[in-house]
């Protein structure tokens, strides 16, 4: 069994994308992270990319961002042990791990033993997929791409989104990533007529997309703005695409499995559950 580190997101995708696409719904979070890094550049030198192969066949893939969490693709016990040992030996300390429940637990146990970290459950993520074109939204307002004049608002909302969803990572790194996606590089707003909601998206090769960071301003909630934005963004992506003008075959997103409100909203739009992942946190000694 061989662990192969990859220096860049591009190199990682060249090695692992075809294998990850075999289970694209389960692996779209990992694919999205690597695709975003490949398109916009890494946030720091601590990004980690690795594949583990048994013979000629990949059996596990993993990525981690600077000051963020480790994302797992696959579930192979021996490979998970090898991965935990490699991260520990490199002195890397991800804030947590996200993967299939059994894989996340196995990795967390091995990594915590090697680093003396404590493991705490954060939440369960429900993965959803949209394969049918949603109906046009009937809510007042319209969607547009976020531009430089919107940066302050988007940064403020992203900070609130991070707080409400307990998103891992340092705020400064998240805001730097936000700035790199404006103008017109993956963030859209619903305006009625002023901005009231936002959503982000990442284009995944060859023909899908992942939606994220769906947020409504606190004074504009329960009016259907976020639902309208997700529906319209999904329609645009599936009808004519964005950025590369290539229509997308499917859209993916993840939501808190214990949030019935958001789950019901996405189901009404047409998203369907594809599976769940466990998110575990690591707590290191001072």
Protein backbone atom coordinates (compact mmCIF):
# COMPACT_ATOMS: atom_id res chain seq x y z
CA UNK A 1 0.00 0.00 0.00
CA UNK A 2 1.45 3.34 -1.10
CA UNK A 3 0.60 6.86 0.10
CA UNK A 4 1.36 9.46 -2.52
CA UNK A 5 1.40 13.14 -1.49
CA UNK A 6 0.52 15.71 -4.15
CA UNK A 7 2.09 19.16 -4.22
CA UNK A 8 -0.87 20.99 -5.76
CA UNK A 9 -4.61 20.70 -6.22
CA UNK A 10 -4.08 20.29 -9.95
CA UNK A 11 -1.76 17.33 -9.42
CA UNK A 12 -4.21 15.79 -6.94
CA UNK A 13 -7.14 16.11 -9.35
CA UNK A 14 -5.12 14.62 -12.19
CA UNK A 15 -4.49 11.56 -10.04
CA UNK A 16 -7.79 11.21 -8.16
CA UNK A 17 -10.61 12.87 -10.05
CA UNK A 18 -11.66 9.88 -12.14
CA UNK A 19 -11.71 7.67 -9.04
CA UNK A 20 -13.64 10.24 -6.99
CA UNK A 21 -16.19 10.65 -9.78
CA UNK A 22 -17.25 7.03 -9.38
CA UNK A 23 -19.08 8.21 -6.24
CA UNK A 24 -19.53 11.85 -7.16
CA UNK A 25 -22.36 12.56 -4.71
CA UNK A 26 -20.38 11.25 -1.75
CA UNK A 27 -17.15 12.91 -2.88
CA UNK A 28 -18.41 16.27 -4.15
CA UNK A 29 -17.29 18.11 -1.01
CA UNK A 30 -13.72 16.94 -1.56
CA UNK A 31 -13.94 17.56 -5.31
CA UNK A 32 -15.25 21.06 -4.67
CA UNK A 33 -12.39 21.94 -2.32
CA UNK A 34 -9.73 20.75 -4.75
CA UNK A 35 -11.45 22.33 -7.76
CA UNK A 36 -11.72 25.68 -5.99
CA UNK A 37 -8.05 25.55 -4.98
CA UNK A 38 -7.05 24.64 -8.53
CA UNK A 39 -9.06 27.52 -9.98
CA UNK A 40 -8.26 30.26 -7.47
CA UNK A 41 -5.01 29.17 -5.82
CA UNK A 42 -4.26 27.69 -2.40
CA UNK A 43 -4.80 29.69 0.77
CA UNK A 44 -1.46 28.66 2.26
CA UNK A 45 1.46 26.33 2.27
CA UNK A 46 -0.26 23.94 4.68
CA UNK A 47 -2.74 22.56 2.14
CA UNK A 48 -2.51 18.79 2.04
CA UNK A 49 -3.38 16.44 -0.82
CA UNK A 50 -2.85 12.68 -0.82
CA UNK A 51 -3.99 9.49 -2.49
CA UNK A 52 -3.41 5.98 -1.21
CA UNK A 53 -3.29 3.05 -3.60
CA UNK A 54 -3.43 -0.68 -3.11
CA UNK A 55 -1.59 -2.02 -6.09
CA UNK A 56 -2.61 0.14 -9.03
CA UNK A 57 -6.01 1.12 -7.63
CA UNK A 58 -6.71 4.14 -5.43
CA UNK A 59 -8.56 3.19 -2.26
CA UNK A 60 -8.50 6.52 -0.36
CA UNK A 61 -8.11 10.22 -1.12
CA UNK A 62 -7.77 13.13 1.29
CA UNK A 63 -7.42 16.90 1.22
CA UNK A 64 -7.02 19.51 3.94
CA UNK A 65 -6.77 23.29 3.87
CA UNK A 66 -4.63 25.52 6.02
CA UNK A 67 -6.31 25.83 9.45
CA UNK A 68 -9.25 23.79 8.18
CA UNK A 69 -10.53 20.24 8.29
CA UNK A 70 -9.50 17.03 6.57
CA UNK A 71 -11.85 15.73 3.87
CA UNK A 72 -11.91 12.00 3.22
CA UNK A 73 -12.89 10.14 0.08
CA UNK A 74 -13.29 6.40 0.52
CA UNK A 75 -13.24 4.04 3.48
CA UNK A 76 -10.29 1.64 3.70
CA UNK A 77 -9.15 0.78 7.21
CA UNK A 78 -5.48 0.16 6.48
CA UNK A 79 -5.28 3.26 4.28
CA UNK A 80 -6.87 5.38 7.01
CA UNK A 81 -4.22 4.22 9.45
CA UNK A 82 -1.48 5.09 6.97
CA UNK A 83 -3.03 8.51 6.39
CA UNK A 84 -3.26 9.24 10.12
CA UNK A 85 0.38 8.33 10.59
CA UNK A 86 1.48 10.51 7.67
CA UNK A 87 -0.37 13.60 8.91
CA UNK A 88 0.93 13.13 12.45
CA UNK A 89 4.51 12.71 11.26
CA UNK A 90 4.25 15.86 9.17
CA UNK A 91 3.12 17.80 12.22
CA UNK A 92 -0.15 18.81 10.56
CA UNK A 93 -3.06 19.53 12.89
CA UNK A 94 -6.37 19.75 11.02
CA UNK A 95 -9.27 21.16 13.00
CA UNK A 96 -11.36 18.11 12.25
CA UNK A 97 -12.27 15.40 9.77
CA UNK A 98 -15.27 14.92 7.47
CA UNK A 99 -16.07 11.59 5.85
CA UNK A 100 -18.31 8.55 5.93
CA UNK A 101 -19.15 7.89 9.57
CA UNK A 102 -17.05 4.73 9.86
CA UNK A 103 -14.10 6.24 7.98
CA UNK A 104 -14.16 9.48 9.98
CA UNK A 105 -14.29 7.56 13.28
CA UNK A 106 -11.46 5.20 12.28
CA UNK A 107 -9.22 8.04 11.16
CA UNK A 108 -10.04 10.15 14.22
CA UNK A 109 -9.19 7.30 16.60
CA UNK A 110 -5.80 6.67 14.97
CA UNK A 111 -4.92 10.34 14.59
CA UNK A 112 -5.96 11.22 18.14
CA UNK A 113 -3.79 8.42 19.51
CA UNK A 114 -0.78 9.72 17.57
CA UNK A 115 -1.29 13.39 18.51
CA UNK A 116 -2.93 13.16 21.96
CA UNK A 117 -5.88 15.13 20.60
CA UNK A 118 -9.43 14.80 21.90
CA UNK A 119 -12.24 14.03 19.46
CA UNK A 120 -15.61 15.77 19.66
CA UNK A 121 -18.58 15.35 17.29
CA UNK A 122 -19.61 18.52 15.48
CA UNK A 123 -22.56 17.52 13.28
CA UNK A 124 -23.81 15.20 10.57
CA UNK A 125 -23.84 16.52 7.02
CA UNK A 126 -26.57 15.45 4.63
CA UNK A 127 -25.47 15.41 0.99
CA UNK A 128 -28.13 16.44 -1.54
CA UNK A 129 -28.21 16.31 -5.33
CA UNK A 130 -30.39 18.03 -7.92
CA UNK A 131 -30.80 16.33 -11.29
CA UNK A 132 -34.03 17.97 -12.52
CA UNK A 133 -34.54 21.59 -13.51
CA UNK A 134 -36.30 23.50 -10.71
CA UNK A 135 -39.22 25.80 -11.40
CA UNK A 136 -38.53 29.54 -11.72
CA UNK A 137 -38.82 31.33 -8.38
CA UNK A 138 -41.87 33.54 -7.81
CA UNK A 139 -40.35 35.61 -4.99
CA UNK A 140 -39.87 39.34 -5.50
CA UNK A 141 -36.34 40.20 -6.62
CA UNK A 142 -33.65 38.93 -8.95
CA UNK A 143 -30.27 37.21 -8.88
CA UNK A 144 -27.01 38.87 -9.87
CA UNK A 145 -23.29 38.17 -9.46
CA UNK A 146 -21.58 39.81 -6.50
CA UNK A 147 -19.22 42.62 -7.54
CA UNK A 148 -16.49 44.68 -5.88
CA UNK A 149 -19.07 47.09 -4.42
CA UNK A 150 -20.65 44.15 -2.56
CA UNK A 151 -17.46 42.93 -0.90
CA UNK A 152 -18.14 44.49 2.52
CA UNK A 153 -21.67 43.06 2.65
CA UNK A 154 -20.55 39.62 1.48
CA UNK A 155 -17.71 39.53 4.00
CA UNK A 156 -20.09 40.48 6.81
CA UNK A 157 -22.60 37.82 5.79
CA UNK A 158 -19.88 35.21 5.38
CA UNK A 159 -18.70 35.91 8.92
CA UNK A 160 -22.26 35.47 10.24
CA UNK A 161 -22.66 32.31 8.17
CA UNK A 162 -19.43 30.95 9.66
CA UNK A 163 -20.67 31.67 13.18
CA UNK A 164 -24.11 30.13 12.63
CA UNK A 165 -22.80 26.97 10.95
CA UNK A 166 -19.62 26.65 13.04
CA UNK A 167 -17.54 26.43 9.87
CA UNK A 168 -13.92 25.48 10.64
CA UNK A 169 -10.97 27.62 9.61
CA UNK A 170 -9.53 30.99 10.47
CA UNK A 171 -11.74 33.97 9.61
CA UNK A 172 -8.91 35.80 7.83
CA UNK A 173 -8.39 32.85 5.48
CA UNK A 174 -12.11 32.53 4.76
CA UNK A 175 -12.39 36.24 3.98
CA UNK A 176 -9.34 36.08 1.72
CA UNK A 177 -11.03 33.25 -0.17
CA UNK A 178 -14.21 35.33 -0.44
CA UNK A 179 -12.31 38.30 -1.90
CA UNK A 180 -10.68 36.04 -4.50
CA UNK A 181 -14.13 35.03 -5.79
CA UNK A 182 -15.31 38.58 -6.49
CA UNK A 183 -16.13 39.77 -9.08
CA UNK A 184 -18.06 37.09 -10.89
CA UNK A 185 -16.11 34.08 -9.63
CA UNK A 186 -18.62 32.09 -7.68
CA UNK A 187 -20.79 34.28 -5.42
CA UNK A 188 -24.31 35.46 -6.30
CA UNK A 189 -26.84 37.66 -4.51
CA UNK A 190 -30.63 37.91 -4.42
CA UNK A 191 -31.64 41.55 -4.57
CA UNK A 192 -35.05 42.97 -3.71
CA UNK A 193 -33.86 45.52 -4.78
CA UNK A 194 -31.01 45.66 -2.24
CA UNK A 195 -29.03 42.47 -1.49
CA UNK A 196 -30.92 40.20 0.93
CA UNK A 197 -29.34 36.76 0.43
CA UNK A 198 -26.21 35.14 -0.96
CA UNK A 199 -25.00 31.79 -2.21
CA UNK A 200 -21.68 30.49 -3.50
CA UNK A 201 -20.96 27.89 -6.12
CA UNK A 202 -18.02 25.92 -7.45
CA UNK A 203 -17.93 24.41 -10.92
CA UNK A 204 -16.83 20.77 -10.90
CA UNK A 205 -15.42 19.01 -13.93
CA UNK A 206 -16.70 17.80 -16.19
CA UNK A 207 -20.30 19.01 -15.84
CA UNK A 208 -21.58 19.45 -12.28
CA UNK A 209 -21.54 22.20 -9.65
CA UNK A 210 -21.59 22.49 -5.88
CA UNK A 211 -23.58 25.14 -4.01
CA UNK A 212 -22.56 26.41 -0.58
CA UNK A 213 -22.73 29.33 1.89
CA UNK A 214 -26.47 29.89 1.42
CA UNK A 215 -27.29 32.79 3.75
CA UNK A 216 -30.12 35.29 4.25
CA UNK A 217 -29.58 38.61 5.99
CA UNK A 218 -31.01 38.42 9.50
CA UNK A 219 -33.59 41.14 8.87
CA UNK A 220 -34.85 39.51 5.67
CA UNK A 221 -35.53 35.94 6.70
CA UNK A 222 -38.68 33.83 6.25
CA UNK A 223 -39.52 35.59 3.00
CA UNK A 224 -38.26 32.93 0.61
CA UNK A 225 -35.23 34.86 -0.64
CA UNK A 226 -32.66 32.09 -0.10
CA UNK A 227 -34.97 29.50 -1.64
CA UNK A 228 -35.45 31.72 -4.67
CA UNK A 229 -31.70 32.26 -4.98
CA UNK A 230 -30.87 28.55 -4.79
CA UNK A 231 -33.59 27.72 -7.32
CA UNK A 232 -32.52 30.44 -9.76
CA UNK A 233 -28.81 29.67 -9.41
CA UNK A 234 -29.48 25.98 -9.99
CA UNK A 235 -31.61 26.80 -13.05
CA UNK A 236 -28.88 28.99 -14.50
CA UNK A 237 -26.20 26.40 -13.88
CA UNK A 238 -28.26 23.63 -15.46
CA UNK A 239 -29.61 25.64 -18.40
CA UNK A 240 -26.58 27.56 -19.62
CA UNK A 241 -23.87 27.29 -16.98
CA UNK A 242 -21.79 30.17 -15.67
CA UNK A 243 -18.17 31.26 -16.12
CA UNK A 244 -17.37 28.56 -18.67
CA UNK A 245 -20.84 28.63 -20.30
CA UNK A 246 -21.17 24.87 -19.94
CA UNK A 247 -24.57 23.65 -18.67
CA UNK A 248 -24.25 21.48 -15.58
CA UNK A 249 -25.80 18.04 -15.41
CA UNK A 250 -26.37 18.16 -11.63
CA UNK A 251 -25.96 20.43 -8.63
CA UNK A 252 -24.85 19.30 -5.18
CA UNK A 253 -24.94 20.83 -1.72
CA UNK A 254 -24.57 19.77 1.90
CA UNK A 255 -26.71 20.74 4.85
CA UNK A 256 -26.93 20.02 8.55
CA UNK A 257 -28.80 16.72 8.86
CA UNK A 258 -30.50 18.05 12.02
CA UNK A 259 -31.86 21.22 10.39
CA UNK A 260 -35.40 20.35 9.23
CA UNK A 261 -36.07 23.86 7.87
CA UNK A 262 -33.24 23.94 5.33
CA UNK A 263 -33.75 20.27 4.45
CA UNK A 264 -37.41 20.91 3.64
CA UNK A 265 -36.54 23.98 1.55
CA UNK A 266 -34.05 22.11 -0.58
CA UNK A 267 -36.42 19.18 -1.00
CA UNK A 268 -39.13 21.52 -2.35
CA UNK A 269 -36.65 22.87 -4.90
CA UNK A 270 -35.93 19.32 -6.07
CA UNK A 271 -32.79 18.25 -4.20
CA UNK A 272 -32.73 14.64 -3.02
CA UNK A 273 -30.64 13.01 -0.30
CA UNK A 274 -27.61 11.03 -1.47
CA UNK A 275 -26.00 10.12 1.86
CA UNK A 276 -24.47 11.48 5.04
CA UNK A 277 -21.03 12.29 6.40
CA UNK A 278 -19.84 12.73 9.96
CA UNK A 279 -17.92 15.85 10.99
CA UNK A 280 -15.60 15.34 13.98
CA UNK A 281 -13.48 18.02 15.65
CA UNK A 282 -9.96 17.62 17.06
CA UNK A 283 -9.10 19.45 20.27
CA UNK A 284 -5.36 19.74 20.88
CA UNK A 285 -3.57 20.31 24.15
CA UNK A 286 -2.32 23.88 24.60
